[in-house]
Amino acid sequence: MIDVVDKRSQATLDPALKALLDQETRAKKGYVYCATCSHVISHIDHRIEVGGSHDHHLTNPHGYRYHLGCYKEALGCTVTGPPNAADTWFANYRWRLAQCEECSNHLGWFFAHANDHSFFGLITDRIQTD
């Protein structure tokens, strides 16, 4: 677990995420980090339920199993690739890859619905919290 956010690593953060880290009123706990490089990805306050649950255990068409946690924001991720509806786990949502903006590790997917609702499905064994 990470106790303190390194000020040097904040220099590369998304400005909105950096503003959250700099807030004096918020405790410096509850951040979600990339398990590979410890880059700040989100905060537990951004956890949401999709389809009645935050947690989802899913299997892709190739047999790979994933445990996802859903987050409304993951400002420490970059989203890549075109929106794809094929093999989506969430009806009427298109997915794109979500990677750590620091080390490019695949952390999950960004899901977007035609009604402008979107969320991140982050692979729980590729993230850590404090």
N, C-alpha and C. Protein backbone atom coordinates (compact mmCIF):
# COMPACT_ATOMS: atom_id res chain seq x y z
N MET A 1 0.83 -1.19 0.00
CA MET A 1 0.00 0.00 0.00
C MET A 1 0.88 1.25 0.00
N ILE A 2 0.35 2.29 -0.58
CA ILE A 2 1.09 3.54 -0.68
C ILE A 2 0.53 4.51 0.36
N ASP A 3 1.40 5.08 1.19
CA ASP A 3 0.95 5.97 2.24
C ASP A 3 0.91 7.42 1.80
N VAL A 4 1.83 7.83 0.96
CA VAL A 4 1.95 9.23 0.58
C VAL A 4 2.09 9.31 -0.93
N VAL A 5 1.39 10.25 -1.55
CA VAL A 5 1.52 10.47 -2.99
C VAL A 5 2.77 11.31 -3.22
N ASP A 6 3.70 10.79 -3.99
CA ASP A 6 4.96 11.45 -4.28
C ASP A 6 4.70 12.70 -5.12
N LYS A 7 5.17 13.85 -4.66
CA LYS A 7 4.96 15.12 -5.36
C LYS A 7 5.57 15.10 -6.76
N ARG A 8 6.68 14.38 -6.94
CA ARG A 8 7.30 14.32 -8.26
C ARG A 8 6.39 13.62 -9.25
N SER A 9 5.68 12.57 -8.82
CA SER A 9 4.81 11.84 -9.74
C SER A 9 3.57 12.66 -10.08
N GLN A 10 3.22 13.65 -9.22
CA GLN A 10 2.05 14.47 -9.50
C GLN A 10 2.28 15.38 -10.71
N ALA A 11 3.52 15.66 -11.05
CA ALA A 11 3.81 16.56 -12.16
C ALA A 11 3.28 16.02 -13.48
N THR A 12 3.12 14.71 -13.63
CA THR A 12 2.65 14.13 -14.88
C THR A 12 1.15 13.82 -14.85
N LEU A 13 0.46 14.14 -13.78
CA LEU A 13 -0.95 13.81 -13.64
C LEU A 13 -1.84 14.71 -14.49
N ASP A 14 -2.99 14.16 -14.88
CA ASP A 14 -4.05 14.95 -15.50
C ASP A 14 -4.36 16.11 -14.56
N PRO A 15 -4.54 17.34 -15.08
CA PRO A 15 -4.78 18.50 -14.21
C PRO A 15 -5.98 18.32 -13.26
N ALA A 16 -7.05 17.70 -13.73
CA ALA A 16 -8.22 17.49 -12.86
C ALA A 16 -7.89 16.53 -11.73
N LEU A 17 -7.12 15.48 -12.02
CA LEU A 17 -6.73 14.53 -10.99
C LEU A 17 -5.76 15.19 -10.01
N LYS A 18 -4.84 16.00 -10.52
CA LYS A 18 -3.90 16.71 -9.64
C LYS A 18 -4.65 17.63 -8.70
N ALA A 19 -5.70 18.31 -9.18
CA ALA A 19 -6.49 19.20 -8.33
C ALA A 19 -7.13 18.41 -7.19
N LEU A 20 -7.61 17.20 -7.48
CA LEU A 20 -8.19 16.37 -6.44
C LEU A 20 -7.14 16.01 -5.38
N LEU A 21 -5.94 15.68 -5.83
CA LEU A 21 -4.87 15.32 -4.90
C LEU A 21 -4.44 16.50 -4.03
N ASP A 22 -4.53 17.70 -4.60
CA ASP A 22 -4.07 18.88 -3.88
C ASP A 22 -5.09 19.45 -2.90
N GLN A 23 -6.33 18.97 -2.94
CA GLN A 23 -7.35 19.51 -2.04
C GLN A 23 -6.95 19.26 -0.58
N GLU A 24 -6.96 20.32 0.20
CA GLU A 24 -6.59 20.21 1.61
C GLU A 24 -7.67 19.51 2.43
N THR A 25 -8.93 19.61 2.00
CA THR A 25 -10.03 19.08 2.81
C THR A 25 -10.20 17.58 2.66
N ARG A 26 -9.69 16.98 1.62
CA ARG A 26 -9.85 15.54 1.41
C ARG A 26 -8.67 14.80 2.03
N ALA A 27 -8.96 13.78 2.77
CA ALA A 27 -7.91 12.95 3.35
C ALA A 27 -7.09 12.32 2.22
N LYS A 28 -5.83 12.11 2.45
CA LYS A 28 -4.96 11.52 1.44
C LYS A 28 -5.07 10.01 1.43
N LYS A 29 -6.26 9.49 1.56
CA LYS A 29 -6.53 8.06 1.54
C LYS A 29 -7.60 7.78 0.50
N GLY A 30 -7.66 6.52 0.11
CA GLY A 30 -8.73 6.09 -0.77
C GLY A 30 -8.41 6.19 -2.25
N TYR A 31 -7.17 6.47 -2.59
CA TYR A 31 -6.82 6.56 -4.00
C TYR A 31 -6.64 5.18 -4.60
N VAL A 32 -6.90 5.09 -5.89
CA VAL A 32 -6.74 3.86 -6.65
C VAL A 32 -5.50 4.05 -7.51
N TYR A 33 -4.57 3.09 -7.45
CA TYR A 33 -3.28 3.18 -8.13
C TYR A 33 -3.11 2.04 -9.12
N CYS A 34 -2.29 2.25 -10.13
CA CYS A 34 -1.86 1.17 -11.01
C CYS A 34 -0.99 0.23 -10.17
N ALA A 35 -1.28 -1.05 -10.21
CA ALA A 35 -0.50 -2.02 -9.42
C ALA A 35 0.91 -2.20 -9.96
N THR A 36 1.15 -1.82 -11.20
CA THR A 36 2.48 -1.97 -11.80
C THR A 36 3.41 -0.82 -11.43
N CYS A 37 2.92 0.43 -11.57
CA CYS A 37 3.81 1.58 -11.39
C CYS A 37 3.39 2.54 -10.29
N SER A 38 2.25 2.29 -9.63
CA SER A 38 1.73 3.11 -8.54
C SER A 38 1.24 4.49 -8.97
N HIS A 39 0.98 4.68 -10.25
CA HIS A 39 0.41 5.94 -10.75
C HIS A 39 -1.02 6.05 -10.25
N VAL A 40 -1.44 7.23 -9.83
CA VAL A 40 -2.82 7.44 -9.36
C VAL A 40 -3.77 7.32 -10.55
N ILE A 41 -4.80 6.47 -10.39
CA ILE A 41 -5.76 6.21 -11.46
C ILE A 41 -7.11 6.85 -11.15
N SER A 42 -7.58 6.71 -9.91
CA SER A 42 -8.91 7.19 -9.53
C SER A 42 -8.98 7.31 -8.02
N HIS A 43 -10.18 7.40 -7.50
CA HIS A 43 -10.43 7.45 -6.06
C HIS A 43 -11.63 6.56 -5.77
N ILE A 44 -11.66 5.97 -4.58
CA ILE A 44 -12.77 5.07 -4.26
C ILE A 44 -14.11 5.81 -4.23
N ASP A 45 -14.10 7.12 -4.10
CA ASP A 45 -15.34 7.90 -4.18
C ASP A 45 -15.98 7.80 -5.57
N HIS A 46 -15.22 7.38 -6.56
CA HIS A 46 -15.73 7.26 -7.93
C HIS A 46 -16.29 5.87 -8.23
N ARG A 47 -16.32 5.01 -7.23
CA ARG A 47 -16.93 3.68 -7.42
C ARG A 47 -18.41 3.84 -7.70
N ILE A 48 -18.92 3.06 -8.66
CA ILE A 48 -20.35 3.09 -8.98
C ILE A 48 -20.86 1.67 -9.18
N GLU A 49 -22.17 1.55 -9.21
CA GLU A 49 -22.80 0.29 -9.55
C GLU A 49 -23.30 0.37 -10.99
N VAL A 50 -23.08 -0.68 -11.71
CA VAL A 50 -23.60 -0.84 -13.07
C VAL A 50 -24.32 -2.17 -13.09
N GLY A 51 -25.55 -2.17 -13.54
CA GLY A 51 -26.32 -3.41 -13.53
C GLY A 51 -26.51 -3.96 -12.13
N GLY A 52 -26.57 -3.08 -11.13
CA GLY A 52 -26.83 -3.49 -9.77
C GLY A 52 -25.63 -3.87 -8.93
N SER A 53 -24.41 -3.74 -9.48
CA SER A 53 -23.22 -4.12 -8.72
C SER A 53 -22.00 -3.32 -9.14
N HIS A 54 -21.11 -3.08 -8.19
CA HIS A 54 -19.81 -2.48 -8.50
C HIS A 54 -18.89 -3.55 -9.10
N ASP A 55 -18.97 -4.76 -8.56
CA ASP A 55 -18.09 -5.86 -8.96
C ASP A 55 -18.76 -6.74 -10.02
N HIS A 56 -17.97 -7.13 -11.02
CA HIS A 56 -18.46 -8.02 -12.08
C HIS A 56 -17.39 -9.06 -12.38
N HIS A 57 -17.78 -10.32 -12.41
CA HIS A 57 -16.89 -11.41 -12.80
C HIS A 57 -17.32 -11.83 -14.20
N LEU A 58 -16.41 -11.64 -15.17
CA LEU A 58 -16.76 -11.79 -16.58
C LEU A 58 -15.74 -12.65 -17.31
N THR A 59 -16.18 -13.28 -18.40
CA THR A 59 -15.29 -14.09 -19.23
C THR A 59 -15.44 -13.62 -20.67
N ASN A 60 -14.30 -13.40 -21.34
CA ASN A 60 -14.38 -12.97 -22.74
C ASN A 60 -14.52 -14.19 -23.65
N PRO A 61 -14.76 -13.99 -24.95
CA PRO A 61 -14.96 -15.12 -25.86
C PRO A 61 -13.77 -16.07 -25.98
N HIS A 62 -12.59 -15.64 -25.55
CA HIS A 62 -11.39 -16.47 -25.61
C HIS A 62 -11.17 -17.24 -24.31
N GLY A 63 -12.09 -17.09 -23.35
CA GLY A 63 -11.99 -17.82 -22.10
C GLY A 63 -11.24 -17.12 -20.99
N TYR A 64 -10.77 -15.89 -21.23
CA TYR A 64 -10.07 -15.15 -20.18
C TYR A 64 -11.09 -14.57 -19.20
N ARG A 65 -10.83 -14.78 -17.91
CA ARG A 65 -11.74 -14.31 -16.87
C ARG A 65 -11.21 -13.03 -16.25
N TYR A 66 -12.12 -12.12 -15.96
CA TYR A 66 -11.76 -10.84 -15.37
C TYR A 66 -12.70 -10.52 -14.22
N HIS A 67 -12.15 -9.90 -13.20
CA HIS A 67 -12.95 -9.34 -12.11
C HIS A 67 -12.81 -7.83 -12.26
N LEU A 68 -13.93 -7.17 -12.61
CA LEU A 68 -13.92 -5.72 -12.82
C LEU A 68 -14.60 -4.99 -11.68
N GLY A 69 -14.10 -3.81 -11.39
CA GLY A 69 -14.77 -2.86 -10.52
C GLY A 69 -15.14 -1.66 -11.37
N CYS A 70 -16.33 -1.10 -11.18
CA CYS A 70 -16.82 0.00 -12.02
C CYS A 70 -16.57 1.35 -11.35
N TYR A 71 -16.07 2.30 -12.14
CA TYR A 71 -15.74 3.65 -11.66
C TYR A 71 -16.27 4.67 -12.66
N LYS A 72 -16.88 5.75 -12.13
CA LYS A 72 -17.38 6.79 -13.03
C LYS A 72 -16.24 7.61 -13.62
N GLU A 73 -15.12 7.69 -12.94
CA GLU A 73 -13.94 8.43 -13.42
C GLU A 73 -12.68 7.61 -13.18
N ALA A 74 -11.77 7.70 -14.12
CA ALA A 74 -10.43 7.13 -13.97
C ALA A 74 -9.48 8.05 -14.73
N LEU A 75 -9.25 9.22 -14.15
CA LEU A 75 -8.48 10.26 -14.82
C LEU A 75 -7.03 9.90 -15.06
N GLY A 76 -6.53 8.88 -14.39
CA GLY A 76 -5.16 8.42 -14.60
C GLY A 76 -5.03 7.41 -15.71
N CYS A 77 -6.13 7.17 -16.43
CA CYS A 77 -6.12 6.24 -17.57
C CYS A 77 -6.15 7.00 -18.88
N THR A 78 -5.54 6.42 -19.88
CA THR A 78 -5.74 6.87 -21.25
C THR A 78 -6.67 5.86 -21.90
N VAL A 79 -7.51 6.33 -22.79
CA VAL A 79 -8.46 5.49 -23.49
C VAL A 79 -8.03 5.43 -24.94
N THR A 80 -7.89 4.20 -25.46
CA THR A 80 -7.39 4.04 -26.82
C THR A 80 -8.29 3.13 -27.65
N GLY A 81 -8.16 3.26 -28.95
CA GLY A 81 -8.89 2.42 -29.88
C GLY A 81 -10.27 2.97 -30.18
N PRO A 82 -10.84 2.51 -31.27
CA PRO A 82 -12.19 2.96 -31.64
C PRO A 82 -13.24 2.27 -30.76
N PRO A 83 -14.40 2.91 -30.56
CA PRO A 83 -15.48 2.26 -29.81
C PRO A 83 -15.89 0.96 -30.51
N ASN A 84 -16.07 -0.09 -29.72
CA ASN A 84 -16.36 -1.41 -30.26
C ASN A 84 -17.56 -2.00 -29.53
N ALA A 85 -18.56 -2.44 -30.30
CA ALA A 85 -19.75 -3.06 -29.70
C ALA A 85 -19.65 -4.58 -29.65
N ALA A 86 -18.70 -5.14 -30.38
CA ALA A 86 -18.56 -6.60 -30.45
C ALA A 86 -18.15 -7.15 -29.09
N ASP A 87 -18.82 -8.22 -28.68
CA ASP A 87 -18.48 -8.95 -27.46
C ASP A 87 -18.50 -8.09 -26.20
N THR A 88 -19.32 -7.04 -26.19
CA THR A 88 -19.40 -6.20 -25.00
C THR A 88 -20.09 -6.97 -23.87
N TRP A 89 -19.67 -6.70 -22.66
CA TRP A 89 -20.27 -7.34 -21.49
C TRP A 89 -21.49 -6.57 -21.00
N PHE A 90 -21.66 -5.34 -21.45
CA PHE A 90 -22.75 -4.49 -20.98
C PHE A 90 -23.60 -4.07 -22.19
N ALA A 91 -24.85 -4.53 -22.22
CA ALA A 91 -25.74 -4.29 -23.36
C ALA A 91 -25.82 -2.81 -23.72
N ASN A 92 -25.71 -2.53 -25.00
CA ASN A 92 -25.80 -1.19 -25.57
C ASN A 92 -24.62 -0.28 -25.22
N TYR A 93 -23.56 -0.84 -24.69
CA TYR A 93 -22.34 -0.08 -24.41
C TYR A 93 -21.26 -0.49 -25.41
N ARG A 94 -20.51 0.48 -25.85
CA ARG A 94 -19.33 0.22 -26.67
C ARG A 94 -18.11 0.37 -25.77
N TRP A 95 -17.08 -0.43 -26.02
CA TRP A 95 -15.90 -0.42 -25.16
C TRP A 95 -14.67 0.05 -25.93
N ARG A 96 -13.75 0.60 -25.17
CA ARG A 96 -12.41 0.98 -25.63
C ARG A 96 -11.44 0.55 -24.55
N LEU A 97 -10.19 0.35 -24.90
CA LEU A 97 -9.18 -0.05 -23.91
C LEU A 97 -8.84 1.11 -22.97
N ALA A 98 -8.61 0.79 -21.71
CA ALA A 98 -8.16 1.77 -20.71
C ALA A 98 -6.79 1.32 -20.22
N GLN A 99 -5.81 2.21 -20.34
CA GLN A 99 -4.44 1.91 -19.95
C GLN A 99 -3.95 2.94 -18.95
N CYS A 100 -2.99 2.55 -18.13
CA CYS A 100 -2.34 3.49 -17.22
C CYS A 100 -1.62 4.54 -18.08
N GLU A 101 -1.86 5.81 -17.78
CA GLU A 101 -1.22 6.86 -18.58
C GLU A 101 0.28 6.94 -18.32
N GLU A 102 0.75 6.35 -17.23
CA GLU A 102 2.17 6.39 -16.89
C GLU A 102 2.95 5.24 -17.54
N CYS A 103 2.50 4.00 -17.34
CA CYS A 103 3.27 2.84 -17.82
C CYS A 103 2.60 2.08 -18.97
N SER A 104 1.40 2.49 -19.36
CA SER A 104 0.63 1.89 -20.46
C SER A 104 0.12 0.48 -20.18
N ASN A 105 0.17 0.04 -18.93
CA ASN A 105 -0.38 -1.27 -18.58
C ASN A 105 -1.89 -1.27 -18.84
N HIS A 106 -2.40 -2.36 -19.43
CA HIS A 106 -3.84 -2.49 -19.66
C HIS A 106 -4.53 -2.66 -18.31
N LEU A 107 -5.39 -1.69 -17.95
CA LEU A 107 -6.07 -1.72 -16.65
C LEU A 107 -7.55 -2.09 -16.77
N GLY A 108 -8.09 -2.09 -17.98
CA GLY A 108 -9.50 -2.41 -18.15
C GLY A 108 -10.06 -1.78 -19.40
N TRP A 109 -11.32 -1.34 -19.28
CA TRP A 109 -12.03 -0.82 -20.43
C TRP A 109 -12.85 0.40 -20.04
N PHE A 110 -13.06 1.27 -21.03
CA PHE A 110 -13.96 2.40 -20.90
C PHE A 110 -15.21 2.03 -21.68
N PHE A 111 -16.37 2.07 -21.02
CA PHE A 111 -17.63 1.71 -21.65
C PHE A 111 -18.49 2.95 -21.82
N ALA A 112 -19.01 3.16 -23.03
CA ALA A 112 -19.85 4.33 -23.31
C ALA A 112 -21.16 3.88 -23.95
N HIS A 113 -22.24 4.46 -23.47
CA HIS A 113 -23.59 4.17 -23.95
C HIS A 113 -24.03 5.33 -24.85
N ALA A 114 -24.94 5.06 -25.76
CA ALA A 114 -25.44 6.09 -26.68
C ALA A 114 -26.12 7.25 -25.93
N ASN A 115 -26.62 7.00 -24.72
CA ASN A 115 -27.28 8.06 -23.95
C ASN A 115 -26.28 8.92 -23.16
N ASP A 116 -25.02 8.82 -23.49
CA ASP A 116 -23.92 9.59 -22.87
C ASP A 116 -23.51 9.09 -21.49
N HIS A 117 -24.05 7.98 -21.02
CA HIS A 117 -23.57 7.39 -19.77
C HIS A 117 -22.30 6.61 -20.08
N SER A 118 -21.30 6.78 -19.26
CA SER A 118 -20.05 6.05 -19.46
C SER A 118 -19.44 5.70 -18.11
N PHE A 119 -18.55 4.71 -18.13
CA PHE A 119 -17.85 4.30 -16.92
C PHE A 119 -16.62 3.50 -17.30
N PHE A 120 -15.74 3.31 -16.32
CA PHE A 120 -14.55 2.49 -16.48
C PHE A 120 -14.77 1.17 -15.75
N GLY A 121 -14.45 0.08 -16.40
CA GLY A 121 -14.40 -1.24 -15.77
C GLY A 121 -12.94 -1.58 -15.58
N LEU A 122 -12.44 -1.43 -14.34
CA LEU A 122 -11.03 -1.66 -14.05
C LEU A 122 -10.80 -3.06 -13.50
N ILE A 123 -9.78 -3.72 -14.00
CA ILE A 123 -9.44 -5.09 -13.59
C ILE A 123 -8.85 -5.03 -12.18
N THR A 124 -9.54 -5.67 -11.25
CA THR A 124 -9.19 -5.47 -9.84
C THR A 124 -7.80 -5.95 -9.45
N ASP A 125 -7.25 -6.95 -10.14
CA ASP A 125 -5.90 -7.38 -9.77
C ASP A 125 -4.81 -6.57 -10.46
N ARG A 126 -5.21 -5.53 -11.21
CA ARG A 126 -4.23 -4.63 -11.84
C ARG A 126 -4.25 -3.25 -11.22
N ILE A 127 -5.06 -3.09 -10.16
CA ILE A 127 -5.10 -1.82 -9.42
C ILE A 127 -4.92 -2.13 -7.94
N GLN A 128 -4.61 -1.10 -7.17
CA GLN A 128 -4.49 -1.22 -5.71
C GLN A 128 -5.04 0.07 -5.08
N THR A 129 -5.45 -0.03 -3.84
CA THR A 129 -5.94 1.15 -3.12
C THR A 129 -5.18 1.26 -1.81
N ASP A 130 -5.23 2.49 -1.24
CA ASP A 130 -4.59 2.67 0.07
C ASP A 130 -5.63 2.79 1.15
